[in-house]
Amino acid sequence: MVKAETKNVVGPGFHFDVHTDLRADQKAEVLIEALPWLEEFYGQRIVVKYGGNAMVDEKLKQNFAEDMVFLRQVGLHPVVVHGGGPQISNMLKALGIKSEFKGGLRVTTPEAMDVVRMVLTGKVSRELVGLINSHGPLAVGLSGEDGGLFSAVQRRPIIDGKPTDVGLVGDVVSVDASAVEDLIAAGRIPVVSSVAPDEDDPTRVLNVNADSAAASLAAALGARKLVILTDVDGLYADWPDKNSLIGRIGVDNLRDMLPDLESGMRPKMEACVRAIDGGVEEAHIIDGRKPHSILNEIFTSQGIGTMVIPEGGMEMRSSYVGY
C-alpha cells in the first residue's frame, strides 16, 4: 500500500464561509473534542458514498465539498463514490425516455445506459469536482471504467420469487484500486462514478449500485471507514419508533436483520456488511440532510448515525455513550 504524503495544496486565501453563534470558548471545546479523533484517523483512508438529498440541495452540496476538503487538510484521505438517481431520472424525463423500476432497481436499457454514463461522469462528477476544487486543486474525477478500477457482472435479481431481467445493471465483482492509489499518493481526492465494464464483455458498460461499489472499493483500499450518506437518521431496530435508532451494531447482528429490512435500506446495510467482511474497521450510515454530518460522525464522541463494527451487540442511540 502506498503511503501518501500530506500536502497543503490550497491557496493562502483558503477559508470556509462559515457563520456560527457559538462563543469563542465553545468553539475551543469543539476543537478539543475533535483532537483525539484527528490524531487517531490521521493518514487513514475514508471512503464516502455521496447520495441522497446531499446531492440535490445546493447548500448541502457545498457543505459536502467543504467536509471533503477539511478531511484532506487535517491529514485524512477521503475517496468519494457517487451515484445519481434523481439526476438520471430528471435527464431521462427531459429526453422523453420513460423510467422503469422493478423491485426498486432501475431497468437500464442501452438507451438509458447512455444517459446514465452521461449524467454520472459528465454532470454529477464534474459538479462535485468543481465544488471541491473551488477550495484548491484537490479533486480528480474518474469512473469505474477508468484504469480497470471496477469489473462487474450483469445482475438478475430475484423479484417476486423469480430471476428478473433489469437490463444493464451489474454488481462489482473485482476492484483494481491502482488508479485511486496513485491519486491518493499525489494528495488528491478521487471522485468515482458508479459505472463499470462488464466482465464478460468489456465493451459493454453496466450501471452498478454506488453503495456496493463504495464498499468494494473501501475493502480494496484498506480503508478505515466507509460512510454512506442517506436521507434518514440511521438504522432503526423497530421503525417507526424513533427511540429504536441504533447507534452501534455488530456485523453479525446486522446480518440477521437484513431479510427484514425495507428495500431502500437493505442495499446500504448490505454494503456495510460487505465492507466489514472485507476488513474495513467501521461502516457508518448517516443523515446527509444534516449540514456537515460527516464531520459530526467522525470527529465527535457521540456521532450522529449508525456505526457497524466487526464484533459486538446492538446499542440504541437513546442510550449511546459514544466510543
Protein backbone atom coordinates (compact mmCIF):
# COMPACT_ATOMS: atom_id res chain seq x y z
CA MET A 1 0.00 0.00 0.00
CA VAL A 2 1.39 3.42 -0.97
CA LYS A 3 1.55 5.84 1.94
CA ALA A 4 0.53 9.30 0.83
CA GLU A 5 2.19 12.45 1.98
CA THR A 6 0.03 15.16 3.49
CA LYS A 7 0.33 18.16 1.20
CA ASN A 8 -1.23 21.57 1.68
CA VAL A 9 -2.49 22.34 -1.80
CA VAL A 10 -4.95 25.13 -1.06
CA GLY A 11 -4.03 28.74 -1.59
CA PRO A 12 -3.15 31.34 1.06
CA GLY A 13 -6.68 32.76 0.87
CA PHE A 14 -8.27 29.42 1.81
CA HIS A 15 -11.31 29.78 4.05
CA PHE A 16 -14.82 28.43 4.53
CA ASP A 17 -17.71 30.87 4.63
CA VAL A 18 -18.99 29.62 8.00
CA HIS A 19 -21.11 31.59 10.44
CA THR A 20 -21.88 30.29 13.92
CA ASP A 21 -23.50 31.54 17.10
CA LEU A 22 -21.00 29.65 19.27
CA ARG A 23 -18.97 31.67 21.74
CA ALA A 24 -15.19 31.55 21.44
CA ASP A 25 -14.88 29.17 24.39
CA GLN A 26 -17.49 26.83 22.87
CA LYS A 27 -15.58 26.79 19.59
CA ALA A 28 -12.47 25.83 21.52
CA GLU A 29 -14.36 22.97 23.21
CA VAL A 30 -15.41 21.65 19.79
CA LEU A 31 -11.78 21.60 18.65
CA ILE A 32 -10.62 19.91 21.85
CA GLU A 33 -13.29 17.20 21.49
CA ALA A 34 -12.13 16.54 17.93
CA LEU A 35 -8.43 16.28 18.83
CA PRO A 36 -8.25 12.55 19.76
CA TRP A 37 -10.15 11.62 16.60
CA LEU A 38 -7.93 13.84 14.46
CA GLU A 39 -4.93 12.03 15.92
CA GLU A 40 -6.45 8.55 15.57
CA PHE A 41 -7.59 8.95 11.97
CA TYR A 42 -4.57 10.89 10.68
CA GLY A 43 -3.31 9.26 7.48
CA GLN A 44 -6.32 6.92 7.28
CA ARG A 45 -8.49 6.39 4.21
CA ILE A 46 -12.19 7.19 4.40
CA VAL A 47 -14.48 6.09 1.56
CA VAL A 48 -17.66 8.18 1.39
CA LYS A 49 -20.75 7.22 -0.61
CA TYR A 50 -22.27 10.55 -1.71
CA GLY A 51 -26.01 10.33 -2.22
CA GLY A 52 -29.48 11.32 -1.12
CA ASN A 53 -30.59 14.90 -0.56
CA ALA A 54 -26.97 15.99 -0.13
CA MET A 55 -26.67 15.62 -3.91
CA VAL A 56 -29.59 17.89 -4.83
CA ASP A 57 -29.69 20.65 -2.19
CA GLU A 58 -27.30 23.44 -3.21
CA LYS A 59 -26.20 24.33 0.32
CA LEU A 60 -25.70 20.68 1.27
CA LYS A 61 -23.59 20.18 -1.86
CA GLN A 62 -21.30 22.97 -0.70
CA ASN A 63 -21.23 21.56 2.85
CA PHE A 64 -20.21 18.16 1.50
CA ALA A 65 -17.40 19.63 -0.60
CA GLU A 66 -16.16 21.56 2.43
CA ASP A 67 -16.21 18.38 4.51
CA MET A 68 -14.05 16.57 1.94
CA VAL A 69 -11.55 19.43 1.86
CA PHE A 70 -11.48 19.55 5.66
CA LEU A 71 -10.77 15.82 5.89
CA ARG A 72 -7.92 16.17 3.43
CA GLN A 73 -6.44 19.23 5.11
CA VAL A 74 -6.30 17.55 8.54
CA GLY A 75 -4.44 14.57 7.15
CA LEU A 76 -7.11 12.03 6.22
CA HIS A 77 -7.52 10.64 2.70
CA PRO A 78 -11.16 10.83 1.57
CA VAL A 79 -12.35 8.94 -1.50
CA VAL A 80 -15.84 9.72 -2.84
CA VAL A 81 -18.08 7.27 -4.70
CA HIS A 82 -21.35 8.61 -6.08
CA GLY A 83 -24.47 7.57 -7.89
CA GLY A 84 -27.04 9.98 -9.26
CA GLY A 85 -30.54 8.53 -9.22
CA PRO A 86 -32.50 11.81 -9.11
CA GLN A 87 -30.32 13.44 -11.76
CA ILE A 88 -30.64 10.40 -14.03
CA SER A 89 -34.42 10.37 -13.66
CA ASN A 90 -34.60 14.09 -14.44
CA MET A 91 -32.46 13.72 -17.56
CA LEU A 92 -34.42 10.71 -18.82
CA LYS A 93 -37.62 12.68 -18.35
CA ALA A 94 -36.18 15.69 -20.19
CA LEU A 95 -35.21 13.41 -23.09
CA GLY A 96 -38.61 11.73 -23.15
CA ILE A 97 -37.26 8.34 -22.02
CA LYS A 98 -39.55 6.56 -19.58
CA SER A 99 -38.03 5.39 -16.28
CA GLU A 100 -39.00 1.88 -15.23
CA PHE A 101 -38.24 0.20 -11.91
CA LYS A 102 -38.52 -3.44 -10.84
CA GLY A 103 -38.05 -4.35 -7.20
CA GLY A 104 -36.59 -0.91 -6.54
CA LEU A 105 -33.98 -1.30 -9.31
CA ARG A 106 -33.86 0.94 -12.36
CA VAL A 107 -34.37 -1.04 -15.56
CA THR A 108 -31.42 0.15 -17.63
CA THR A 109 -31.88 -0.22 -21.38
CA PRO A 110 -28.97 0.56 -23.75
CA GLU A 111 -30.63 3.92 -24.43
CA ALA A 112 -30.94 4.63 -20.71
CA MET A 113 -27.35 3.47 -20.10
CA ASP A 114 -26.06 6.19 -22.42
CA VAL A 115 -27.89 8.71 -20.25
CA VAL A 116 -26.57 7.11 -17.03
CA ARG A 117 -22.97 7.44 -18.22
CA MET A 118 -23.52 10.99 -19.41
CA VAL A 119 -25.13 12.14 -16.16
CA LEU A 120 -22.77 10.37 -13.75
CA THR A 121 -19.46 11.12 -15.44
CA GLY A 122 -20.36 14.34 -17.25
CA LYS A 123 -22.64 16.11 -14.78
CA VAL A 124 -22.64 14.79 -11.21
CA SER A 125 -18.90 14.08 -11.13
CA ARG A 126 -17.93 17.34 -12.81
CA GLU A 127 -20.13 19.37 -10.46
CA LEU A 128 -18.70 17.75 -7.32
CA VAL A 129 -15.12 18.02 -8.55
CA GLY A 130 -15.73 21.70 -9.27
CA LEU A 131 -17.18 22.35 -5.81
CA ILE A 132 -14.22 20.68 -4.11
CA ASN A 133 -11.71 22.41 -6.36
CA SER A 134 -13.17 25.82 -5.58
CA HIS A 135 -11.09 25.41 -2.40
CA GLY A 136 -7.93 24.36 -4.21
CA PRO A 137 -6.73 21.82 -6.82
CA LEU A 138 -7.69 18.71 -4.87
CA ALA A 139 -10.32 16.58 -6.61
CA VAL A 140 -9.96 14.37 -9.69
CA GLY A 141 -12.94 12.63 -11.30
CA LEU A 142 -12.85 9.11 -12.67
CA SER A 143 -15.30 6.28 -13.22
CA GLY A 144 -15.29 2.55 -12.65
CA GLU A 145 -14.29 2.21 -16.30
CA ASP A 146 -11.01 4.10 -15.83
CA GLY A 147 -7.79 2.22 -15.23
CA GLY A 148 -9.67 -1.05 -14.80
CA LEU A 149 -10.99 0.23 -11.46
CA PHE A 150 -14.16 -1.89 -11.39
CA SER A 151 -15.28 -5.03 -13.15
CA ALA A 152 -18.92 -6.11 -12.89
CA VAL A 153 -21.28 -8.89 -13.89
CA GLN A 154 -24.83 -8.39 -15.04
CA ARG A 155 -27.39 -8.84 -12.28
CA ARG A 156 -30.58 -10.89 -12.49
CA PRO A 157 -32.21 -10.16 -9.13
CA ILE A 158 -34.90 -12.34 -7.61
CA ILE A 159 -38.14 -10.34 -7.73
CA ASP A 160 -41.43 -11.93 -6.72
CA GLY A 161 -39.64 -15.26 -6.45
CA LYS A 162 -38.04 -15.42 -9.88
CA PRO A 163 -34.92 -14.11 -11.68
CA THR A 164 -35.73 -10.83 -13.40
CA ASP A 165 -34.04 -9.01 -16.27
CA VAL A 166 -33.37 -5.40 -15.28
CA GLY A 167 -31.14 -4.62 -18.25
CA LEU A 168 -27.63 -3.23 -17.98
CA VAL A 169 -27.44 -3.38 -14.18
CA GLY A 170 -24.50 -5.10 -12.54
CA ASP A 171 -22.65 -5.96 -9.37
CA VAL A 172 -18.97 -5.13 -8.83
CA VAL A 173 -17.01 -8.39 -8.62
CA SER A 174 -13.42 -7.13 -8.71
CA VAL A 175 -11.51 -3.94 -7.96
CA ASP A 176 -8.11 -2.75 -9.17
CA ALA A 177 -7.53 0.28 -6.98
CA SER A 178 -4.20 1.26 -8.58
CA ALA A 179 -5.58 4.43 -10.21
CA VAL A 180 -7.15 5.55 -6.93
CA GLU A 181 -3.96 4.69 -5.02
CA ASP A 182 -1.98 6.91 -7.39
CA LEU A 183 -4.33 9.83 -6.80
CA ILE A 184 -4.18 9.38 -3.02
CA ALA A 185 -0.37 9.30 -3.19
CA ALA A 186 -0.48 12.58 -5.13
CA GLY A 187 -2.56 14.19 -2.38
CA ARG A 188 -5.78 14.27 -4.42
CA ILE A 189 -9.40 13.45 -3.58
CA PRO A 190 -10.67 10.79 -6.03
CA VAL A 191 -14.32 11.20 -7.08
CA VAL A 192 -15.59 7.91 -8.56
CA SER A 193 -18.70 7.47 -10.72
CA SER A 194 -20.54 4.17 -10.26
CA VAL A 195 -20.42 2.60 -13.71
CA ALA A 196 -18.30 -0.43 -14.60
CA PRO A 197 -17.35 -2.55 -17.62
CA ASP A 198 -18.99 -5.95 -17.94
CA GLU A 199 -16.53 -8.71 -17.02
CA ASP A 200 -17.96 -10.92 -19.78
CA ASP A 201 -17.91 -8.15 -22.42
CA PRO A 202 -15.61 -5.22 -21.52
CA THR A 203 -17.06 -3.14 -24.37
CA ARG A 204 -20.39 -3.09 -22.53
CA VAL A 205 -20.87 -0.82 -19.51
CA LEU A 206 -23.13 -1.59 -16.55
CA ASN A 207 -24.91 0.65 -14.07
CA VAL A 208 -23.74 -0.52 -10.63
CA ASN A 209 -25.10 0.24 -7.18
CA ALA A 210 -22.99 3.01 -5.67
CA ASP A 211 -23.35 1.70 -2.09
CA SER A 212 -21.99 -1.70 -3.07
CA ALA A 213 -19.26 -0.17 -5.25
CA ALA A 214 -18.15 2.06 -2.37
CA ALA A 215 -17.97 -0.93 -0.03
CA SER A 216 -15.89 -2.92 -2.51
CA LEU A 217 -13.52 0.00 -3.04
CA ALA A 218 -13.20 0.60 0.71
CA ALA A 219 -12.15 -3.02 1.21
CA ALA A 220 -9.67 -2.89 -1.69
CA LEU A 221 -8.09 0.30 -0.33
CA GLY A 222 -7.82 -0.99 3.23
CA ALA A 223 -9.94 1.99 4.30
CA ARG A 224 -10.51 2.70 7.98
CA LYS A 225 -14.12 3.72 7.39
CA LEU A 226 -16.97 3.51 4.91
CA VAL A 227 -19.50 6.33 5.34
CA ILE A 228 -22.82 6.17 3.45
CA LEU A 229 -24.95 9.31 3.22
CA THR A 230 -28.70 8.78 3.11
CA ASP A 231 -31.94 10.61 3.91
CA VAL A 232 -32.70 9.00 7.28
CA ASP A 233 -31.07 9.29 10.70
CA GLY A 234 -29.64 5.77 10.52
CA LEU A 235 -30.82 2.20 11.02
CA TYR A 236 -33.85 1.64 13.25
CA ALA A 237 -34.39 -1.63 15.12
CA ASP A 238 -38.16 -1.07 15.20
CA TRP A 239 -39.24 1.59 12.73
CA PRO A 240 -41.12 3.96 13.18
CA ASP A 241 -40.18 4.00 16.88
CA LYS A 242 -37.73 6.92 16.97
CA ASN A 243 -36.23 5.57 20.20
CA SER A 244 -35.10 2.45 18.34
CA LEU A 245 -32.40 4.27 16.34
CA ILE A 246 -29.28 2.10 16.53
CA GLY A 247 -26.06 3.85 17.50
CA ARG A 248 -23.75 0.87 17.09
CA ILE A 249 -24.24 -2.71 15.92
CA GLY A 250 -22.01 -5.74 15.38
CA VAL A 251 -21.93 -7.10 11.86
CA ASP A 252 -23.41 -10.49 12.82
CA ASN A 253 -26.41 -8.81 14.42
CA LEU A 254 -26.85 -6.71 11.30
CA ARG A 255 -26.60 -9.78 9.09
CA ASP A 256 -29.52 -11.31 10.98
CA MET A 257 -31.60 -8.16 10.38
CA LEU A 258 -31.06 -7.95 6.61
CA PRO A 259 -34.00 -10.13 5.46
CA ASP A 260 -36.48 -7.90 7.30
CA LEU A 261 -35.16 -4.52 6.15
CA GLU A 262 -37.09 -2.33 3.72
CA SER A 263 -35.89 -2.26 0.10
CA GLY A 264 -34.42 1.24 0.39
CA MET A 265 -32.28 0.49 3.44
CA ARG A 266 -31.27 -3.08 2.68
CA PRO A 267 -28.67 -2.34 -0.07
CA LYS A 268 -26.99 0.20 2.18
CA MET A 269 -26.76 -2.19 5.11
CA GLU A 270 -25.61 -5.00 2.79
CA ALA A 271 -22.85 -2.63 1.69
CA CYS A 272 -21.86 -2.11 5.32
CA VAL A 273 -21.68 -5.88 5.82
CA ARG A 274 -19.57 -6.24 2.66
CA ALA A 275 -17.17 -3.55 3.86
CA ILE A 276 -16.73 -5.06 7.34
CA ASP A 277 -16.31 -8.55 5.88
CA GLY A 278 -13.65 -7.05 3.59
CA GLY A 279 -11.59 -5.73 6.50
CA VAL A 280 -12.92 -2.18 6.90
CA GLU A 281 -12.97 -1.36 10.63
CA GLU A 282 -16.16 0.72 10.74
CA ALA A 283 -19.07 1.40 8.40
CA HIS A 284 -21.49 4.25 9.02
CA ILE A 285 -24.98 5.19 7.84
CA ILE A 286 -25.63 8.89 8.46
CA ASP A 287 -28.20 11.53 7.57
CA GLY A 288 -26.79 13.59 4.71
CA ARG A 289 -29.58 16.16 5.13
CA LYS A 290 -27.78 17.49 8.20
CA PRO A 291 -25.05 20.04 7.42
CA HIS A 292 -21.52 18.71 7.91
CA SER A 293 -22.90 15.34 9.04
CA ILE A 294 -19.66 13.56 8.09
CA LEU A 295 -17.57 15.72 10.41
CA ASN A 296 -20.10 15.26 13.21
CA GLU A 297 -19.97 11.49 12.83
CA ILE A 298 -16.19 11.16 12.59
CA PHE A 299 -14.90 13.83 14.96
CA THR A 300 -17.34 13.77 17.89
CA SER A 301 -17.67 11.21 20.66
CA GLN A 302 -21.42 10.80 20.22
CA GLY A 303 -21.59 10.76 16.42
CA ILE A 304 -24.97 11.11 14.72
CA GLY A 305 -25.76 7.93 12.78
CA THR A 306 -25.43 4.15 12.96
CA MET A 307 -21.97 2.55 13.10
CA VAL A 308 -21.38 -1.07 12.09
CA ILE A 309 -18.39 -2.81 13.68
CA PRO A 310 -16.83 -6.28 13.32
CA GLU A 311 -17.91 -7.53 16.75
CA GLY A 312 -20.40 -6.63 19.44
CA GLY A 313 -24.10 -6.44 20.05
CA MET A 314 -26.62 -3.69 19.43
CA GLU A 315 -26.75 -0.38 21.24
CA MET A 316 -29.59 2.11 20.85
CA ARG A 317 -28.63 5.72 20.24
CA SER A 318 -31.04 6.78 23.02
CA SER A 319 -28.63 5.17 25.49
CA TYR A 320 -25.49 5.67 23.43
CA VAL A 321 -22.44 6.97 25.29
CA GLY A 322 -20.01 7.10 22.38
CA TYR A 323 -16.98 5.05 21.51
